[in-house]
Amino acid sequence: MDFSAIFLVFAASMWAVWRRREGFALAFVFLGMVLTIALYLHHATESLPLSF
């Protein structure tokens, strides 16, 4: 679900560039990068239960 939302944000940025709206495209790319970093940090800080 999270990856689908991020994909749609990047797809919206490509659509905005295609329609010659550079400001919206940059905003969508920036939002996509922020969401990608937030998702990475969310998963990178999870503790993994290890059992040996």
PDB file of N, CA and C in Angstrom:
ATOM      1  N   MET A   1       0.825  -1.195   0.000  1.00  0.00           N
ATOM      2  CA  MET A   1       0.000   0.000   0.000  1.00  0.00           C
ATOM      3  C   MET A   1       0.871   1.262   0.000  1.00  0.00           C
ATOM      4  N   ASP A   2       1.906   1.264   0.842  1.00  0.00           N
ATOM      5  CA  ASP A   2       2.786   2.431   0.911  1.00  0.00           C
ATOM      6  C   ASP A   2       3.517   2.631  -0.404  1.00  0.00           C
ATOM      7  N   PHE A   3       4.010   1.538  -0.971  1.00  0.00           N
ATOM      8  CA  PHE A   3       4.754   1.641  -2.217  1.00  0.00           C
ATOM      9  C   PHE A   3       3.839   2.083  -3.362  1.00  0.00           C
ATOM     10  N   SER A   4       2.583   1.671  -3.322  1.00  0.00           N
ATOM     11  CA  SER A   4       1.632   2.103  -4.355  1.00  0.00           C
ATOM     12  C   SER A   4       1.404   3.604  -4.289  1.00  0.00           C
ATOM     13  N   ALA A   5       1.293   4.132  -3.090  1.00  0.00           N
ATOM     14  CA  ALA A   5       1.097   5.577  -2.938  1.00  0.00           C
ATOM     15  C   ALA A   5       2.315   6.348  -3.433  1.00  0.00           C
ATOM     16  N   ILE A   6       3.504   5.865  -3.107  1.00  0.00           N
ATOM     17  CA  ILE A   6       4.721   6.532  -3.568  1.00  0.00           C
ATOM     18  C   ILE A   6       4.827   6.446  -5.086  1.00  0.00           C
ATOM     19  N   PHE A   7       4.470   5.306  -5.651  1.00  0.00           N
ATOM     20  CA  PHE A   7       4.475   5.159  -7.105  1.00  0.00           C
ATOM     21  C   PHE A   7       3.525   6.159  -7.752  1.00  0.00           C
ATOM     22  N   LEU A   8       2.337   6.337  -7.165  1.00  0.00           N
ATOM     23  CA  LEU A   8       1.380   7.284  -7.729  1.00  0.00           C
ATOM     24  C   LEU A   8       1.881   8.724  -7.633  1.00  0.00           C
ATOM     25  N   VAL A   9       2.611   9.045  -6.578  1.00  0.00           N
ATOM     26  CA  VAL A   9       3.185  10.388  -6.461  1.00  0.00           C
ATOM     27  C   VAL A   9       4.209  10.624  -7.570  1.00  0.00           C
ATOM     28  N   PHE A  10       5.087   9.653  -7.808  1.00  0.00           N
ATOM     29  CA  PHE A  10       6.069   9.805  -8.885  1.00  0.00           C
ATOM     30  C   PHE A  10       5.391   9.792 -10.256  1.00  0.00           C
ATOM     31  N   ALA A  11       4.327   9.012 -10.410  1.00  0.00           N
ATOM     32  CA  ALA A  11       3.582   9.024 -11.674  1.00  0.00           C
ATOM     33  C   ALA A  11       2.923  10.381 -11.892  1.00  0.00           C
ATOM     34  N   ALA A  12       2.424  10.992 -10.825  1.00  0.00           N
ATOM     35  CA  ALA A  12       1.833  12.328 -10.938  1.00  0.00           C
ATOM     36  C   ALA A  12       2.886  13.355 -11.327  1.00  0.00           C
ATOM     37  N   SER A  13       4.104  13.168 -10.834  1.00  0.00           N
ATOM     38  CA  SER A  13       5.163  14.112 -11.217  1.00  0.00           C
ATOM     39  C   SER A  13       5.497  13.964 -12.700  1.00  0.00           C
ATOM     40  N   MET A  14       5.511  12.740 -13.209  1.00  0.00           N
ATOM     41  CA  MET A  14       5.774  12.550 -14.634  1.00  0.00           C
ATOM     42  C   MET A  14       4.646  13.125 -15.483  1.00  0.00           C
ATOM     43  N   TRP A  15       3.417  12.991 -15.007  1.00  0.00           N
ATOM     44  CA  TRP A  15       2.278  13.566 -15.712  1.00  0.00           C
ATOM     45  C   TRP A  15       2.369  15.091 -15.721  1.00  0.00           C
ATOM     46  N   ALA A  16       2.794  15.670 -14.588  1.00  0.00           N
ATOM     47  CA  ALA A  16       2.920  17.126 -14.499  1.00  0.00           C
ATOM     48  C   ALA A  16       3.997  17.648 -15.453  1.00  0.00           C
ATOM     49  N   VAL A  17       5.094  16.928 -15.591  1.00  0.00           N
ATOM     50  CA  VAL A  17       6.130  17.347 -16.542  1.00  0.00           C
ATOM     51  C   VAL A  17       5.604  17.256 -17.958  1.00  0.00           C
ATOM     52  N   TRP A  18       4.863  16.206 -18.233  1.00  0.00           N
ATOM     53  CA  TRP A  18       4.319  16.023 -19.575  1.00  0.00           C
ATOM     54  C   TRP A  18       3.365  17.165 -19.938  1.00  0.00           C
ATOM     55  N   ARG A  19       2.635  17.681 -18.939  1.00  0.00           N
ATOM     56  CA  ARG A  19       1.699  18.782 -19.154  1.00  0.00           C
ATOM     57  C   ARG A  19       2.359  20.153 -18.993  1.00  0.00           C
ATOM     58  N   ARG A  20       3.701  20.185 -18.894  1.00  0.00           N
ATOM     59  CA  ARG A  20       4.493  21.417 -18.810  1.00  0.00           C
ATOM     60  C   ARG A  20       4.201  22.224 -17.537  1.00  0.00           C
ATOM     61  N   ARG A  21       4.070  21.531 -16.415  1.00  0.00           N
ATOM     62  CA  ARG A  21       3.881  22.187 -15.129  1.00  0.00           C
ATOM     63  C   ARG A  21       5.075  21.846 -14.241  1.00  0.00           C
ATOM     64  N   GLU A  22       6.159  22.563 -14.467  1.00  0.00           N
ATOM     65  CA  GLU A  22       7.418  22.233 -13.803  1.00  0.00           C
ATOM     66  C   GLU A  22       7.343  22.426 -12.289  1.00  0.00           C
ATOM     67  N   GLY A  23       6.612  23.430 -11.836  1.00  0.00           N
ATOM     68  CA  GLY A  23       6.484  23.674 -10.396  1.00  0.00           C
ATOM     69  C   GLY A  23       5.799  22.526  -9.684  1.00  0.00           C
ATOM     70  N   PHE A  24       4.691  22.057 -10.258  1.00  0.00           N
ATOM     71  CA  PHE A  24       3.987  20.916  -9.667  1.00  0.00           C
ATOM     72  C   PHE A  24       4.847  19.661  -9.721  1.00  0.00           C
ATOM     73  N   ALA A  25       5.568  19.500 -10.823  1.00  0.00           N
ATOM     74  CA  ALA A  25       6.414  18.311 -10.977  1.00  0.00           C
ATOM     75  C   ALA A  25       7.504  18.288  -9.914  1.00  0.00           C
ATOM     76  N   LEU A  26       8.151  19.420  -9.685  1.00  0.00           N
ATOM     77  CA  LEU A  26       9.183  19.476  -8.655  1.00  0.00           C
ATOM     78  C   LEU A  26       8.593  19.221  -7.268  1.00  0.00           C
ATOM     79  N   ALA A  27       7.404  19.737  -7.025  1.00  0.00           N
ATOM     80  CA  ALA A  27       6.754  19.502  -5.735  1.00  0.00           C
ATOM     81  C   ALA A  27       6.440  18.018  -5.548  1.00  0.00           C
ATOM     82  N   PHE A  28       5.945  17.363  -6.591  1.00  0.00           N
ATOM     83  CA  PHE A  28       5.634  15.939  -6.494  1.00  0.00           C
ATOM     84  C   PHE A  28       6.893  15.094  -6.324  1.00  0.00           C
ATOM     85  N   VAL A  29       7.971  15.459  -7.029  1.00  0.00           N
ATOM     86  CA  VAL A  29       9.225  14.714  -6.880  1.00  0.00           C
ATOM     87  C   VAL A  29       9.761  14.885  -5.466  1.00  0.00           C
ATOM     88  N   PHE A  30       9.726  16.117  -4.954  1.00  0.00           N
ATOM     89  CA  PHE A  30      10.181  16.359  -3.584  1.00  0.00           C
ATOM     90  C   PHE A  30       9.336  15.578  -2.586  1.00  0.00           C
ATOM     91  N   LEU A  31       8.013  15.581  -2.780  1.00  0.00           N
ATOM     92  CA  LEU A  31       7.128  14.817  -1.892  1.00  0.00           C
ATOM     93  C   LEU A  31       7.423  13.328  -1.976  1.00  0.00           C
ATOM     94  N   GLY A  32       7.654  12.819  -3.175  1.00  0.00           N
ATOM     95  CA  GLY A  32       7.983  11.406  -3.338  1.00  0.00           C
ATOM     96  C   GLY A  32       9.281  11.036  -2.656  1.00  0.00           C
ATOM     97  N   MET A  33      10.279  11.907  -2.758  1.00  0.00           N
ATOM     98  CA  MET A  33      11.558  11.632  -2.093  1.00  0.00           C
ATOM     99  C   MET A  33      11.402  11.649  -0.572  1.00  0.00           C
ATOM    100  N   VAL A  34      10.639  12.592  -0.057  1.00  0.00           N
ATOM    101  CA  VAL A  34      10.406  12.655   1.392  1.00  0.00           C
ATOM    102  C   VAL A  34       9.666  11.402   1.862  1.00  0.00           C
ATOM    103  N   LEU A  35       8.647  10.988   1.119  1.00  0.00           N
ATOM    104  CA  LEU A  35       7.908   9.779   1.494  1.00  0.00           C
ATOM    105  C   LEU A  35       8.784   8.536   1.408  1.00  0.00           C
ATOM    106  N   THR A  36       9.647   8.463   0.403  1.00  0.00           N
ATOM    107  CA  THR A  36      10.549   7.325   0.266  1.00  0.00           C
ATOM    108  C   THR A  36      11.524   7.254   1.434  1.00  0.00           C
ATOM    109  N   ILE A  37      12.093   8.393   1.808  1.00  0.00           N
ATOM    110  CA  ILE A  37      13.023   8.426   2.943  1.00  0.00           C
ATOM    111  C   ILE A  37      12.303   8.091   4.235  1.00  0.00           C
ATOM    112  N   ALA A  38      11.086   8.600   4.407  1.00  0.00           N
ATOM    113  CA  ALA A  38      10.319   8.294   5.611  1.00  0.00           C
ATOM    114  C   ALA A  38       9.984   6.807   5.700  1.00  0.00           C
ATOM    115  N   LEU A  39       9.632   6.197   4.573  1.00  0.00           N
ATOM    116  CA  LEU A  39       9.334   4.764   4.570  1.00  0.00           C
ATOM    117  C   LEU A  39      10.583   3.950   4.872  1.00  0.00           C
ATOM    118  N   TYR A  40      11.723   4.370   4.305  1.00  0.00           N
ATOM    119  CA  TYR A  40      12.980   3.685   4.598  1.00  0.00           C
ATOM    120  C   TYR A  40      13.315   3.771   6.081  1.00  0.00           C
ATOM    121  N   LEU A  41      13.227   4.965   6.648  1.00  0.00           N
ATOM    122  CA  LEU A  41      13.554   5.135   8.067  1.00  0.00           C
ATOM    123  C   LEU A  41      12.581   4.365   8.961  1.00  0.00           C
ATOM    124  N   HIS A  42      11.333   4.291   8.545  1.00  0.00           N
ATOM    125  CA  HIS A  42      10.347   3.521   9.314  1.00  0.00           C
ATOM    126  C   HIS A  42      10.752   2.051   9.385  1.00  0.00           C
ATOM    127  N   HIS A  43      11.189   1.510   8.268  1.00  0.00           N
ATOM    128  CA  HIS A  43      11.559   0.096   8.243  1.00  0.00           C
ATOM    129  C   HIS A  43      12.971  -0.134   8.782  1.00  0.00           C
ATOM    130  N   ALA A  44      13.853   0.838   8.646  1.00  0.00           N
ATOM    131  CA  ALA A  44      15.227   0.659   9.099  1.00  0.00           C
ATOM    132  C   ALA A  44      15.336   0.714  10.627  1.00  0.00           C
ATOM    133  N   THR A  45      14.408   1.382  11.276  1.00  0.00           N
ATOM    134  CA  THR A  45      14.480   1.512  12.738  1.00  0.00           C
ATOM    135  C   THR A  45      13.673   0.448  13.457  1.00  0.00           C
ATOM    136  N   GLU A  46      13.008  -0.443  12.735  1.00  0.00           N
ATOM    137  CA  GLU A  46      12.280  -1.541  13.383  1.00  0.00           C
ATOM    138  C   GLU A  46      13.268  -2.532  13.967  1.00  0.00           C
ATOM    139  N   SER A  47      12.963  -2.976  15.155  1.00  0.00           N
ATOM    140  CA  SER A  47      13.835  -4.000  15.748  1.00  0.00           C
ATOM    141  C   SER A  47      13.358  -5.383  15.278  1.00  0.00           C
ATOM    142  N   LEU A  48      14.315  -6.203  14.937  1.00  0.00           N
ATOM    143  CA  LEU A  48      13.993  -7.540  14.460  1.00  0.00           C
ATOM    144  C   LEU A  48      14.143  -8.519  15.604  1.00  0.00           C
ATOM    145  N   PRO A  49      13.102  -9.308  15.863  1.00  0.00           N
ATOM    146  CA  PRO A  49      13.212 -10.321  16.916  1.00  0.00           C
ATOM    147  C   PRO A  49      14.037 -11.506  16.388  1.00  0.00           C
ATOM    148  N   LEU A  50      15.210 -11.669  16.944  1.00  0.00           N
ATOM    149  CA  LEU A  50      16.083 -12.760  16.528  1.00  0.00           C
ATOM    150  C   LEU A  50      16.067 -13.848  17.587  1.00  0.00           C
ATOM    151  N   SER A  51      15.950 -15.063  17.149  1.00  0.00           N
ATOM    152  CA  SER A  51      16.012 -16.196  18.085  1.00  0.00           C
ATOM    153  C   SER A  51      17.044 -17.197  17.568  1.00  0.00           C
ATOM    154  N   PHE A  52      18.008 -17.478  18.397  1.00  0.00           N
ATOM    155  CA  PHE A  52      19.059 -18.415  18.017  1.00  0.00           C
ATOM    156  C   PHE A  52      18.934 -19.681  18.816  1.00  0.00           C
TER     157      PHE A  52
END
